[in-house]
PDB file of N, CA and C in Angstrom:
ATOM      1  N   MET A   1     -29.368 -32.267 -49.861  1.00  0.00           N
ATOM      2  CA  MET A   1     -29.378 -32.352 -49.238  1.00  0.00           C
ATOM      3  C   MET A   1     -28.075 -32.335 -48.747  1.00  0.00           C
ATOM      4  N   ASN A   2     -27.591 -31.875 -47.293  1.00  0.00           N
ATOM      5  CA  ASN A   2     -26.257 -30.414 -46.563  1.00  0.00           C
ATOM      6  C   ASN A   2     -25.351 -32.119 -46.107  1.00  0.00           C
ATOM      7  N   VAL A   3     -23.913 -32.055 -46.893  1.00  0.00           N
ATOM      8  CA  VAL A   3     -23.103 -33.049 -46.695  1.00  0.00           C
ATOM      9  C   VAL A   3     -22.641 -32.181 -45.239  1.00  0.00           C
ATOM     10  N   LEU A   4     -22.538 -31.153 -45.672  1.00  0.00           N
ATOM     11  CA  LEU A   4     -21.238 -30.402 -44.751  1.00  0.00           C
ATOM     12  C   LEU A   4     -22.376 -29.396 -43.685  1.00  0.00           C
ATOM     13  N   PRO A   5     -23.289 -30.022 -42.963  1.00  0.00           N
ATOM     14  CA  PRO A   5     -24.297 -29.263 -41.910  1.00  0.00           C
ATOM     15  C   PRO A   5     -22.796 -27.826 -40.913  1.00  0.00           C
ATOM     16  N   PHE A   6     -22.007 -28.532 -40.765  1.00  0.00           N
ATOM     17  CA  PHE A   6     -21.468 -27.314 -39.238  1.00  0.00           C
ATOM     18  C   PHE A   6     -20.766 -26.756 -39.463  1.00  0.00           C
ATOM     19  N   LEU A   7     -20.980 -26.869 -41.273  1.00  0.00           N
ATOM     20  CA  LEU A   7     -19.765 -25.469 -42.050  1.00  0.00           C
ATOM     21  C   LEU A   7     -20.531 -24.577 -41.880  1.00  0.00           C
ATOM     22  N   HIS A   8     -22.227 -25.194 -40.994  1.00  0.00           N
ATOM     23  CA  HIS A   8     -23.552 -23.215 -41.365  1.00  0.00           C
ATOM     24  C   HIS A   8     -23.538 -23.672 -39.960  1.00  0.00           C
ATOM     25  N   SER A   9     -22.852 -23.848 -39.114  1.00  0.00           N
ATOM     26  CA  SER A   9     -23.676 -23.235 -37.904  1.00  0.00           C
ATOM     27  C   SER A   9     -22.138 -22.573 -37.346  1.00  0.00           C
ATOM     28  N   PRO A  10     -22.550 -21.918 -35.876  1.00  0.00           N
ATOM     29  CA  PRO A  10     -21.157 -20.543 -35.542  1.00  0.00           C
ATOM     30  C   PRO A  10     -20.007 -21.748 -35.193  1.00  0.00           C
ATOM     31  N   LEU A  11     -18.796 -21.448 -34.506  1.00  0.00           N
ATOM     32  CA  LEU A  11     -17.845 -23.145 -33.837  1.00  0.00           C
ATOM     33  C   LEU A  11     -18.379 -22.627 -32.699  1.00  0.00           C
ATOM     34  N   SER A  12     -18.297 -23.623 -32.007  1.00  0.00           N
ATOM     35  CA  SER A  12     -17.986 -23.448 -30.381  1.00  0.00           C
ATOM     36  C   SER A  12     -17.240 -23.480 -29.069  1.00  0.00           C
ATOM     37  N   VAL A  13     -16.292 -23.064 -29.883  1.00  0.00           N
ATOM     38  CA  VAL A  13     -14.883 -22.734 -29.175  1.00  0.00           C
ATOM     39  C   VAL A  13     -14.610 -21.473 -28.505  1.00  0.00           C
ATOM     40  N   ARG A  14     -14.365 -21.515 -27.345  1.00  0.00           N
ATOM     41  CA  ARG A  14     -14.756 -20.774 -25.907  1.00  0.00           C
ATOM     42  C   ARG A  14     -13.116 -20.456 -26.159  1.00  0.00           C
ATOM     43  N   ILE A  15     -13.466 -18.726 -26.657  1.00  0.00           N
ATOM     44  CA  ILE A  15     -12.220 -18.039 -26.219  1.00  0.00           C
ATOM     45  C   ILE A  15     -12.512 -17.292 -25.422  1.00  0.00           C
ATOM     46  N   PRO A  16     -10.735 -17.320 -24.075  1.00  0.00           N
ATOM     47  CA  PRO A  16     -11.117 -15.983 -22.982  1.00  0.00           C
ATOM     48  C   PRO A  16     -10.831 -15.221 -23.226  1.00  0.00           C
ATOM     49  N   SER A  17     -11.339 -14.404 -22.115  1.00  0.00           N
ATOM     50  CA  SER A  17     -11.050 -12.786 -22.147  1.00  0.00           C
ATOM     51  C   SER A  17      -9.292 -12.032 -21.938  1.00  0.00           C
ATOM     52  N   PRO A  18      -9.140 -11.266 -22.871  1.00  0.00           N
ATOM     53  CA  PRO A  18      -7.565 -10.807 -22.770  1.00  0.00           C
ATOM     54  C   PRO A  18      -7.866 -10.427 -20.079  1.00  0.00           C
ATOM     55  N   VAL A  19      -8.598 -10.311 -20.199  1.00  0.00           N
ATOM     56  CA  VAL A  19      -8.610 -10.249 -18.752  1.00  0.00           C
ATOM     57  C   VAL A  19      -7.980 -11.436 -18.327  1.00  0.00           C
ATOM     58  N   LEU A  20      -9.099 -12.025 -18.249  1.00  0.00           N
ATOM     59  CA  LEU A  20      -8.699 -14.083 -18.122  1.00  0.00           C
ATOM     60  C   LEU A  20      -7.679 -14.123 -18.007  1.00  0.00           C
ATOM     61  N   ALA A  21      -7.025 -14.279 -19.208  1.00  0.00           N
ATOM     62  CA  ALA A  21      -6.317 -14.836 -19.428  1.00  0.00           C
ATOM     63  C   ALA A  21      -4.839 -13.756 -18.653  1.00  0.00           C
ATOM     64  N   ALA A  22      -4.532 -13.323 -18.262  1.00  0.00           N
ATOM     65  CA  ALA A  22      -3.927 -12.298 -17.531  1.00  0.00           C
ATOM     66  C   ALA A  22      -3.632 -13.106 -16.540  1.00  0.00           C
ATOM     67  N   LYS A  23      -5.086 -12.685 -16.333  1.00  0.00           N
ATOM     68  CA  LYS A  23      -5.099 -13.992 -14.218  1.00  0.00           C
ATOM     69  C   LYS A  23      -4.588 -15.193 -14.367  1.00  0.00           C
ATOM     70  N   ALA A  24      -4.909 -15.991 -15.456  1.00  0.00           N
ATOM     71  CA  ALA A  24      -4.434 -17.394 -15.513  1.00  0.00           C
ATOM     72  C   ALA A  24      -2.427 -16.944 -15.507  1.00  0.00           C
ATOM     73  N   VAL A  25      -2.909 -16.421 -16.323  1.00  0.00           N
ATOM     74  CA  VAL A  25      -0.769 -15.947 -16.568  1.00  0.00           C
ATOM     75  C   VAL A  25      -0.593 -15.484 -14.817  1.00  0.00           C
ATOM     76  N   VAL A  26      -0.637 -14.363 -14.620  1.00  0.00           N
ATOM     77  CA  VAL A  26      -0.241 -14.303 -13.455  1.00  0.00           C
ATOM     78  C   VAL A  26      -0.094 -15.433 -12.173  1.00  0.00           C
ATOM     79  N   ALA A  27      -1.684 -15.925 -12.202  1.00  0.00           N
ATOM     80  CA  ALA A  27      -1.550 -17.183 -11.369  1.00  0.00           C
ATOM     81  C   ALA A  27      -0.673 -18.410 -10.639  1.00  0.00           C
ATOM     82  N   ARG A  28      -0.295 -18.354 -12.919  1.00  0.00           N
ATOM     83  CA  ARG A  28       0.509 -19.484 -12.977  1.00  0.00           C
ATOM     84  C   ARG A  28       2.095 -18.810 -12.513  1.00  0.00           C
ATOM     85  N   LEU A  29       2.560 -17.090 -12.545  1.00  0.00           N
ATOM     86  CA  LEU A  29       3.481 -17.521 -12.231  1.00  0.00           C
ATOM     87  C   LEU A  29       3.530 -17.149 -11.001  1.00  0.00           C
ATOM     88  N   VAL A  30       3.327 -16.773 -10.093  1.00  0.00           N
ATOM     89  CA  VAL A  30       2.574 -16.703  -8.742  1.00  0.00           C
ATOM     90  C   VAL A  30       2.848 -17.882  -8.361  1.00  0.00           C
ATOM     91  N   ARG A  31       2.197 -18.745  -9.131  1.00  0.00           N
ATOM     92  CA  ARG A  31       2.518 -21.239  -8.609  1.00  0.00           C
ATOM     93  C   ARG A  31       4.107 -20.957  -8.956  1.00  0.00           C
ATOM     94  N   TRP A  32       4.659 -20.753  -9.753  1.00  0.00           N
ATOM     95  CA  TRP A  32       6.119 -21.085 -10.264  1.00  0.00           C
ATOM     96  C   TRP A  32       6.674 -20.796  -8.752  1.00  0.00           C
ATOM     97  N   HIS A  33       6.842 -19.574  -8.674  1.00  0.00           N
ATOM     98  CA  HIS A  33       7.388 -18.967  -7.733  1.00  0.00           C
ATOM     99  C   HIS A  33       7.531 -19.165  -6.496  1.00  0.00           C
ATOM    100  N   GLU A  34       6.670 -19.826  -5.599  1.00  0.00           N
ATOM    101  CA  GLU A  34       5.454 -20.165  -4.868  1.00  0.00           C
ATOM    102  C   GLU A  34       6.881 -21.829  -4.691  1.00  0.00           C
ATOM    103  N   GLY A  35       6.785 -22.504  -5.836  1.00  0.00           N
ATOM    104  CA  GLY A  35       7.214 -23.370  -5.481  1.00  0.00           C
ATOM    105  C   GLY A  35       8.973 -23.658  -5.612  1.00  0.00           C
ATOM    106  N   SER A  36       8.877 -22.606  -6.337  1.00  0.00           N
ATOM    107  CA  SER A  36      10.585 -22.477  -6.837  1.00  0.00           C
ATOM    108  C   SER A  36      11.171 -22.009  -5.096  1.00  0.00           C
ATOM    109  N   ARG A  37       9.984 -21.230  -4.607  1.00  0.00           N
ATOM    110  CA  ARG A  37      11.224 -20.452  -3.115  1.00  0.00           C
ATOM    111  C   ARG A  37      10.997 -21.585  -2.082  1.00  0.00           C
ATOM    112  N   GLN A  38       9.875 -22.914  -1.746  1.00  0.00           N
ATOM    113  CA  GLN A  38       9.854 -23.933  -0.823  1.00  0.00           C
ATOM    114  C   GLN A  38      10.349 -25.281  -1.680  1.00  0.00           C
ATOM    115  N   ARG A  39      11.084 -25.361  -2.480  1.00  0.00           N
ATOM    116  CA  ARG A  39      12.276 -26.096  -2.615  1.00  0.00           C
ATOM    117  C   ARG A  39      13.665 -25.805  -2.298  1.00  0.00           C
ATOM    118  N   LYS A  40      13.530 -24.108  -2.289  1.00  0.00           N
ATOM    119  CA  LYS A  40      14.943 -23.427  -1.838  1.00  0.00           C
ATOM    120  C   LYS A  40      14.478 -23.963  -0.566  1.00  0.00           C
ATOM    121  N   TYR A  41      13.173 -24.148   0.237  1.00  0.00           N
ATOM    122  CA  TYR A  41      13.702 -23.814   1.196  1.00  0.00           C
ATOM    123  C   TYR A  41      13.628 -25.441   2.287  1.00  0.00           C
ATOM    124  N   LEU A  42      13.209 -25.871   1.501  1.00  0.00           N
ATOM    125  CA  LEU A  42      13.474 -27.438   1.239  1.00  0.00           C
ATOM    126  C   LEU A  42      15.099 -27.858   1.522  1.00  0.00           C
ATOM    127  N   ALA A  43      15.816 -27.988   0.572  1.00  0.00           N
ATOM    128  CA  ALA A  43      16.975 -27.595   0.348  1.00  0.00           C
ATOM    129  C   ALA A  43      17.811 -27.669   1.116  1.00  0.00           C
ATOM    130  N   ALA A  44      17.192 -26.305   2.488  1.00  0.00           N
ATOM    131  CA  ALA A  44      18.022 -25.832   3.254  1.00  0.00           C
ATOM    132  C   ALA A  44      18.092 -27.305   4.443  1.00  0.00           C
ATOM    133  N   LEU A  45      17.620 -27.616   4.529  1.00  0.00           N
ATOM    134  CA  LEU A  45      16.810 -28.239   5.428  1.00  0.00           C
ATOM    135  C   LEU A  45      17.905 -29.111   5.782  1.00  0.00           C
ATOM    136  N   ASP A  46      18.568 -29.508   6.926  1.00  0.00           N
ATOM    137  CA  ASP A  46      19.347 -30.515   7.124  1.00  0.00           C
ATOM    138  C   ASP A  46      18.382 -31.720   7.482  1.00  0.00           C
ATOM    139  N   ASP A  47      19.288 -33.079   7.893  1.00  0.00           N
ATOM    140  CA  ASP A  47      18.464 -33.864   7.767  1.00  0.00           C
ATOM    141  C   ASP A  47      18.533 -34.451   8.957  1.00  0.00           C
ATOM    142  N   ARG A  48      17.622 -33.937  10.268  1.00  0.00           N
ATOM    143  CA  ARG A  48      17.365 -34.366  10.775  1.00  0.00           C
ATOM    144  C   ARG A  48      15.657 -34.630  10.825  1.00  0.00           C
ATOM    145  N   LEU A  49      15.718 -32.522  10.124  1.00  0.00           N
ATOM    146  CA  LEU A  49      13.797 -32.359  10.318  1.00  0.00           C
ATOM    147  C   LEU A  49      13.705 -33.032   9.204  1.00  0.00           C
ATOM    148  N   LEU A  50      14.187 -33.262   8.710  1.00  0.00           N
ATOM    149  CA  LEU A  50      13.963 -33.749   7.118  1.00  0.00           C
ATOM    150  C   LEU A  50      12.841 -35.194   7.418  1.00  0.00           C
ATOM    151  N   LYS A  51      14.584 -36.127   8.295  1.00  0.00           N
ATOM    152  CA  LYS A  51      13.416 -37.142   8.582  1.00  0.00           C
ATOM    153  C   LYS A  51      12.194 -36.810   9.239  1.00  0.00           C
ATOM    154  N   ASP A  52      11.871 -36.109  10.505  1.00  0.00           N
ATOM    155  CA  ASP A  52      11.146 -35.189  10.934  1.00  0.00           C
ATOM    156  C   ASP A  52       9.689 -35.444   9.874  1.00  0.00           C
ATOM    157  N   ILE A  53       9.672 -34.948   8.992  1.00  0.00           N
ATOM    158  CA  ILE A  53       8.880 -34.325   7.908  1.00  0.00           C
ATOM    159  C   ILE A  53       8.872 -35.840   6.843  1.00  0.00           C
ATOM    160  N   GLY A  54       8.997 -36.591   7.415  1.00  0.00           N
ATOM    161  CA  GLY A  54       9.258 -38.073   6.025  1.00  0.00           C
ATOM    162  C   GLY A  54      10.097 -37.840   4.485  1.00  0.00           C
ATOM    163  N   LEU A  55      10.785 -37.450   4.524  1.00  0.00           N
ATOM    164  CA  LEU A  55      12.228 -37.248   3.643  1.00  0.00           C
ATOM    165  C   LEU A  55      13.285 -37.188   3.422  1.00  0.00           C
ATOM    166  N   THR A  56      14.200 -38.351   2.659  1.00  0.00           N
ATOM    167  CA  THR A  56      15.170 -37.754   3.097  1.00  0.00           C
ATOM    168  C   THR A  56      15.948 -37.431   2.151  1.00  0.00           C
ATOM    169  N   ARG A  57      16.811 -36.650   1.459  1.00  0.00           N
ATOM    170  CA  ARG A  57      18.566 -35.534   1.404  1.00  0.00           C
ATOM    171  C   ARG A  57      18.023 -36.504  -0.079  1.00  0.00           C
ATOM    172  N   ALA A  58      17.928 -37.766  -0.351  1.00  0.00           N
ATOM    173  CA  ALA A  58      17.656 -38.675  -2.374  1.00  0.00           C
ATOM    174  C   ALA A  58      15.963 -37.387  -2.865  1.00  0.00           C
ATOM    175  N   ASP A  59      15.529 -38.332  -1.953  1.00  0.00           N
ATOM    176  CA  ASP A  59      14.111 -36.600  -2.013  1.00  0.00           C
ATOM    177  C   ASP A  59      14.418 -35.789  -2.282  1.00  0.00           C
ATOM    178  N   VAL A  60      15.218 -34.669  -1.644  1.00  0.00           N
ATOM    179  CA  VAL A  60      15.384 -33.608  -2.076  1.00  0.00           C
ATOM    180  C   VAL A  60      15.957 -33.375  -3.203  1.00  0.00           C
ATOM    181  N   GLN A  61      16.385 -34.387  -3.383  1.00  0.00           N
ATOM    182  CA  GLN A  61      16.928 -34.382  -4.970  1.00  0.00           C
ATOM    183  C   GLN A  61      16.776 -34.304  -5.531  1.00  0.00           C
ATOM    184  N   THR A  62      15.952 -35.568  -5.739  1.00  0.00           N
ATOM    185  CA  THR A  62      14.610 -35.396  -7.212  1.00  0.00           C
ATOM    186  C   THR A  62      13.760 -34.433  -7.158  1.00  0.00           C
ATOM    187  N   GLU A  63      13.616 -34.335  -5.626  1.00  0.00           N
ATOM    188  CA  GLU A  63      13.068 -32.879  -5.967  1.00  0.00           C
ATOM    189  C   GLU A  63      13.856 -31.609  -6.773  1.00  0.00           C
ATOM    190  N   LEU A  64      14.225 -31.176  -6.617  1.00  0.00           N
ATOM    191  CA  LEU A  64      15.092 -30.136  -7.218  1.00  0.00           C
ATOM    192  C   LEU A  64      15.522 -30.251  -8.275  1.00  0.00           C
ATOM    193  N   ALA A  65      15.521 -31.351  -8.904  1.00  0.00           N
ATOM    194  CA  ALA A  65      15.707 -32.161 -10.050  1.00  0.00           C
ATOM    195  C   ALA A  65      14.850 -31.550 -10.930  1.00  0.00           C
ATOM    196  N   ARG A  66      13.771 -31.328 -10.639  1.00  0.00           N
ATOM    197  CA  ARG A  66      12.858 -31.161 -11.617  1.00  0.00           C
ATOM    198  C   ARG A  66      12.836 -29.838 -11.994  1.00  0.00           C
ATOM    199  N   HIS A  67      11.931 -29.989 -12.731  1.00  0.00           N
ATOM    200  CA  HIS A  67      11.958 -28.328 -13.785  1.00  0.00           C
ATOM    201  C   HIS A  67      10.809 -27.509 -13.691  1.00  0.00           C
ATOM    202  N   ARG A  68      11.674 -26.222 -12.987  1.00  0.00           N
ATOM    203  CA  ARG A  68      11.117 -24.998 -12.091  1.00  0.00           C
ATOM    204  C   ARG A  68       9.932 -25.506 -12.518  1.00  0.00           C
ATOM    205  N   TRP A  69       9.213 -25.372 -13.193  1.00  0.00           N
ATOM    206  CA  TRP A  69       7.653 -25.276 -13.976  1.00  0.00           C
ATOM    207  C   TRP A  69       7.019 -26.378 -13.709  1.00  0.00           C
ATOM    208  N   TRP A  70       7.207 -27.015 -12.738  1.00  0.00           N
ATOM    209  CA  TRP A  70       5.794 -28.097 -12.690  1.00  0.00           C
ATOM    210  C   TRP A  70       5.819 -28.153 -11.482  1.00  0.00           C
TER     211      TRP A  70
END
């Protein structure tokens, strides 16, 4: 009787290639940069324009307080 049969089978862990890992890192950096750019643009809008898009200054402050990597 083999009590630990899983020790004899190969692991089913998927390890991404270095190229795919690098692409994922670059994509995340681009996303973070784009979010940062959008937050700066949002902060520069006046209250009238914020009202046009359905936001308040408090909404903007909440967004600006978020961590940069979200």
